[in-house]
Amino acid sequence: MSGEVGGVFRNTAFILVLFILLVIILASGCFGIY
């Protein structure tokens, strides 16, 4: 059970990091920083 919870948390954290990176890239492109 503990391992399963850890796997789900890791999955959620990975998706969250990807989402944040995507937002940063889009924001940088819109404002001309990137």
PDB file of N, CA and C in Angstrom:
ATOM      1  N   MET A   1       0.838  -1.203   0.000  1.00  0.00           N
ATOM      2  CA  MET A   1       0.000   0.000   0.000  1.00  0.00           C
ATOM      3  C   MET A   1       0.875   1.254   0.000  1.00  0.00           C
ATOM      4  N   SER A   2       1.931   1.226   0.789  1.00  0.00           N
ATOM      5  CA  SER A   2       2.828   2.375   0.864  1.00  0.00           C
ATOM      6  C   SER A   2       3.519   2.613  -0.473  1.00  0.00           C
ATOM      7  N   GLY A   3       3.949   1.513  -1.110  1.00  0.00           N
ATOM      8  CA  GLY A   3       4.609   1.642  -2.411  1.00  0.00           C
ATOM      9  C   GLY A   3       3.655   2.177  -3.456  1.00  0.00           C
ATOM     10  N   GLU A   4       2.386   1.741  -3.383  1.00  0.00           N
ATOM     11  CA  GLU A   4       1.400   2.203  -4.359  1.00  0.00           C
ATOM     12  C   GLU A   4       1.166   3.705  -4.213  1.00  0.00           C
ATOM     13  N   VAL A   5       1.039   4.147  -2.973  1.00  0.00           N
ATOM     14  CA  VAL A   5       0.832   5.577  -2.717  1.00  0.00           C
ATOM     15  C   VAL A   5       2.027   6.379  -3.223  1.00  0.00           C
ATOM     16  N   GLY A   6       3.234   5.860  -2.995  1.00  0.00           N
ATOM     17  CA  GLY A   6       4.442   6.542  -3.451  1.00  0.00           C
ATOM     18  C   GLY A   6       4.468   6.661  -4.962  1.00  0.00           C
ATOM     19  N   GLY A   7       4.015   5.599  -5.654  1.00  0.00           N
ATOM     20  CA  GLY A   7       3.993   5.626  -7.117  1.00  0.00           C
ATOM     21  C   GLY A   7       3.008   6.655  -7.636  1.00  0.00           C
ATOM     22  N   VAL A   8       1.841   6.722  -7.005  1.00  0.00           N
ATOM     23  CA  VAL A   8       0.824   7.696  -7.428  1.00  0.00           C
ATOM     24  C   VAL A   8       1.337   9.115  -7.202  1.00  0.00           C
ATOM     25  N   PHE A   9       1.977   9.333  -6.056  1.00  0.00           N
ATOM     26  CA  PHE A   9       2.509  10.662  -5.743  1.00  0.00           C
ATOM     27  C   PHE A   9       3.572  11.057  -6.754  1.00  0.00           C
ATOM     28  N   ARG A  10       4.417  10.084  -7.128  1.00  0.00           N
ATOM     29  CA  ARG A  10       5.482  10.365  -8.089  1.00  0.00           C
ATOM     30  C   ARG A  10       4.874  10.706  -9.449  1.00  0.00           C
ATOM     31  N   ASN A  11       3.821   9.994  -9.833  1.00  0.00           N
ATOM     32  CA  ASN A  11       3.144  10.261 -11.103  1.00  0.00           C
ATOM     33  C   ASN A  11       2.566  11.668 -11.102  1.00  0.00           C
ATOM     34  N   THR A  12       1.873  12.027 -10.012  1.00  0.00           N
ATOM     35  CA  THR A  12       1.255  13.348  -9.908  1.00  0.00           C
ATOM     36  C   THR A  12       2.312  14.448  -9.940  1.00  0.00           C
ATOM     37  N   ALA A  13       3.399  14.243  -9.212  1.00  0.00           N
ATOM     38  CA  ALA A  13       4.472  15.234  -9.168  1.00  0.00           C
ATOM     39  C   ALA A  13       5.097  15.407 -10.550  1.00  0.00           C
ATOM     40  N   PHE A  14       5.266  14.294 -11.284  1.00  0.00           N
ATOM     41  CA  PHE A  14       5.863  14.346 -12.620  1.00  0.00           C
ATOM     42  C   PHE A  14       4.977  15.141 -13.569  1.00  0.00           C
ATOM     43  N   ILE A  15       3.656  14.882 -13.522  1.00  0.00           N
ATOM     44  CA  ILE A  15       2.717  15.605 -14.384  1.00  0.00           C
ATOM     45  C   ILE A  15       2.703  17.086 -14.005  1.00  0.00           C
ATOM     46  N   LEU A  16       2.774  17.363 -12.708  1.00  0.00           N
ATOM     47  CA  LEU A  16       2.751  18.747 -12.231  1.00  0.00           C
ATOM     48  C   LEU A  16       3.974  19.509 -12.733  1.00  0.00           C
ATOM     49  N   VAL A  17       5.145  18.868 -12.678  1.00  0.00           N
ATOM     50  CA  VAL A  17       6.379  19.504 -13.159  1.00  0.00           C
ATOM     51  C   VAL A  17       6.290  19.774 -14.655  1.00  0.00           C
ATOM     52  N   LEU A  18       5.778  18.807 -15.420  1.00  0.00           N
ATOM     53  CA  LEU A  18       5.632  18.994 -16.868  1.00  0.00           C
ATOM     54  C   LEU A  18       4.699  20.157 -17.156  1.00  0.00           C
ATOM     55  N   PHE A  19       3.600  20.245 -16.405  1.00  0.00           N
ATOM     56  CA  PHE A  19       2.620  21.314 -16.598  1.00  0.00           C
ATOM     57  C   PHE A  19       3.239  22.675 -16.305  1.00  0.00           C
ATOM     58  N   ILE A  20       3.998  22.764 -15.216  1.00  0.00           N
ATOM     59  CA  ILE A  20       4.642  24.030 -14.851  1.00  0.00           C
ATOM     60  C   ILE A  20       5.652  24.445 -15.914  1.00  0.00           C
ATOM     61  N   LEU A  21       6.429  23.489 -16.413  1.00  0.00           N
ATOM     62  CA  LEU A  21       7.408  23.793 -17.463  1.00  0.00           C
ATOM     63  C   LEU A  21       6.701  24.296 -18.712  1.00  0.00           C
ATOM     64  N   LEU A  22       5.586  23.666 -19.063  1.00  0.00           N
ATOM     65  CA  LEU A  22       4.824  24.070 -20.242  1.00  0.00           C
ATOM     66  C   LEU A  22       4.315  25.496 -20.079  1.00  0.00           C
ATOM     67  N   VAL A  23       3.789  25.813 -18.902  1.00  0.00           N
ATOM     68  CA  VAL A  23       3.279  27.162 -18.630  1.00  0.00           C
ATOM     69  C   VAL A  23       4.405  28.188 -18.724  1.00  0.00           C
ATOM     70  N   ILE A  24       5.575  27.853 -18.172  1.00  0.00           N
ATOM     71  CA  ILE A  24       6.717  28.774 -18.209  1.00  0.00           C
ATOM     72  C   ILE A  24       7.150  29.023 -19.651  1.00  0.00           C
ATOM     73  N   ILE A  25       7.204  27.962 -20.457  1.00  0.00           N
ATOM     74  CA  ILE A  25       7.608  28.106 -21.862  1.00  0.00           C
ATOM     75  C   ILE A  25       6.600  28.962 -22.620  1.00  0.00           C
ATOM     76  N   LEU A  26       5.315  28.716 -22.397  1.00  0.00           N
ATOM     77  CA  LEU A  26       4.275  29.492 -23.084  1.00  0.00           C
ATOM     78  C   LEU A  26       4.331  30.953 -22.652  1.00  0.00           C
ATOM     79  N   ALA A  27       4.492  31.195 -21.355  1.00  0.00           N
ATOM     80  CA  ALA A  27       4.555  32.564 -20.848  1.00  0.00           C
ATOM     81  C   ALA A  27       5.775  33.284 -21.402  1.00  0.00           C
ATOM     82  N   SER A  28       6.914  32.588 -21.448  1.00  0.00           N
ATOM     83  CA  SER A  28       8.135  33.192 -21.972  1.00  0.00           C
ATOM     84  C   SER A  28       7.961  33.545 -23.447  1.00  0.00           C
ATOM     85  N   GLY A  29       7.327  32.667 -24.218  1.00  0.00           N
ATOM     86  CA  GLY A  29       7.103  32.931 -25.637  1.00  0.00           C
ATOM     87  C   GLY A  29       6.166  34.105 -25.840  1.00  0.00           C
ATOM     88  N   CYS A  30       5.129  34.202 -25.002  1.00  0.00           N
ATOM     89  CA  CYS A  30       4.151  35.287 -25.153  1.00  0.00           C
ATOM     90  C   CYS A  30       4.785  36.637 -24.831  1.00  0.00           C
ATOM     91  N   PHE A  31       5.627  36.676 -23.796  1.00  0.00           N
ATOM     92  CA  PHE A  31       6.204  37.946 -23.373  1.00  0.00           C
ATOM     93  C   PHE A  31       7.532  38.244 -24.051  1.00  0.00           C
ATOM     94  N   GLY A  32       7.993  37.318 -24.899  1.00  0.00           N
ATOM     95  CA  GLY A  32       9.220  37.559 -25.647  1.00  0.00           C
ATOM     96  C   GLY A  32      10.479  37.410 -24.818  1.00  0.00           C
ATOM     97  N   ILE A  33      10.377  36.769 -23.650  1.00  0.00           N
ATOM     98  CA  ILE A  33      11.566  36.566 -22.823  1.00  0.00           C
ATOM     99  C   ILE A  33      12.386  35.422 -23.395  1.00  0.00           C
ATOM    100  N   TYR A  34      11.674  34.375 -23.861  1.00  0.00           N
ATOM    101  CA  TYR A  34      12.321  33.186 -24.401  1.00  0.00           C
ATOM    102  C   TYR A  34      12.715  33.435 -25.824  1.00  0.00           C
TER     103      TYR A  34
END
